[in-house]
């Protein structure tokens, strides 16, 4: 089940992930919030993480607990 979060401005975002390959050849999983995305896979919030919101612009970020 995908994690959804509504920010203070009333817009609902879904959490997605995507596996990318960095320049050194290392593979890394990135997480991002979007209203609708065909670039990633919907996912649950990773264990040990919380969601924080930038109060000025409403952007959502994932932080360690």
Protein backbone atom coordinates (compact mmCIF):
# COMPACT_ATOMS: atom_id res chain seq x y z
CA UNK A 1 0.00 0.00 0.00
CA UNK A 2 1.40 3.39 -0.97
CA UNK A 3 2.05 6.07 1.64
CA UNK A 4 0.01 9.25 1.12
CA UNK A 5 0.45 12.56 2.93
CA UNK A 6 -1.58 15.76 2.75
CA UNK A 7 0.48 18.91 3.32
CA UNK A 8 -0.68 22.07 5.09
CA UNK A 9 -1.83 23.56 1.77
CA UNK A 10 -4.30 20.68 1.28
CA UNK A 11 -2.48 18.90 -1.56
CA UNK A 12 -2.12 15.10 -1.29
CA UNK A 13 1.16 13.49 -2.34
CA UNK A 14 2.14 9.84 -2.78
CA UNK A 15 5.57 8.44 -1.87
CA UNK A 16 7.47 6.80 -4.74
CA UNK A 17 10.88 5.15 -5.08
CA UNK A 18 13.24 4.62 -7.97
CA UNK A 19 16.52 2.68 -8.20
CA UNK A 20 19.20 4.74 -9.91
CA UNK A 21 22.84 4.14 -10.81
CA UNK A 22 25.23 6.85 -9.67
CA UNK A 23 28.26 7.97 -11.67
CA UNK A 24 30.64 5.64 -9.81
CA UNK A 25 28.46 2.66 -10.74
CA UNK A 26 26.87 2.39 -7.30
CA UNK A 27 23.15 1.61 -7.25
CA UNK A 28 21.00 3.63 -4.85
CA UNK A 29 17.29 3.83 -4.08
CA UNK A 30 15.82 7.33 -4.02
CA UNK A 31 12.47 8.30 -2.53
CA UNK A 32 10.32 11.21 -3.69
CA UNK A 33 6.85 12.64 -3.25
CA UNK A 34 4.65 13.39 -6.26
CA UNK A 35 0.97 13.94 -7.01
CA UNK A 36 1.16 11.44 -9.87
CA UNK A 37 4.28 9.84 -11.35
CA UNK A 38 5.03 7.26 -14.00
CA UNK A 39 8.77 7.50 -13.21
CA UNK A 40 8.64 5.57 -9.92
CA UNK A 41 6.92 2.82 -7.97
CA UNK A 42 4.49 3.68 -5.12
CA UNK A 43 5.81 2.52 -1.75
CA UNK A 44 5.27 2.59 2.01
CA UNK A 45 7.28 4.85 4.29
CA UNK A 46 10.62 3.13 5.07
CA UNK A 47 11.08 1.91 8.64
CA UNK A 48 12.83 4.40 10.89
CA UNK A 49 11.82 7.41 8.76
CA UNK A 50 9.37 10.27 9.29
CA UNK A 51 7.89 12.91 7.01
CA UNK A 52 8.62 16.60 7.55
CA UNK A 53 7.18 19.58 5.71
CA UNK A 54 8.87 22.83 4.77
CA UNK A 55 6.52 25.38 6.37
CA UNK A 56 7.30 28.06 3.80
CA UNK A 57 6.49 26.15 0.59
CA UNK A 58 4.81 22.87 1.69
CA UNK A 59 7.47 20.54 0.20
CA UNK A 60 7.63 17.13 1.88
CA UNK A 61 10.90 15.43 2.82
CA UNK A 62 11.80 12.14 4.51
CA UNK A 63 13.95 12.32 7.65
CA UNK A 64 15.44 9.82 10.09
CA UNK A 65 13.53 9.45 13.37
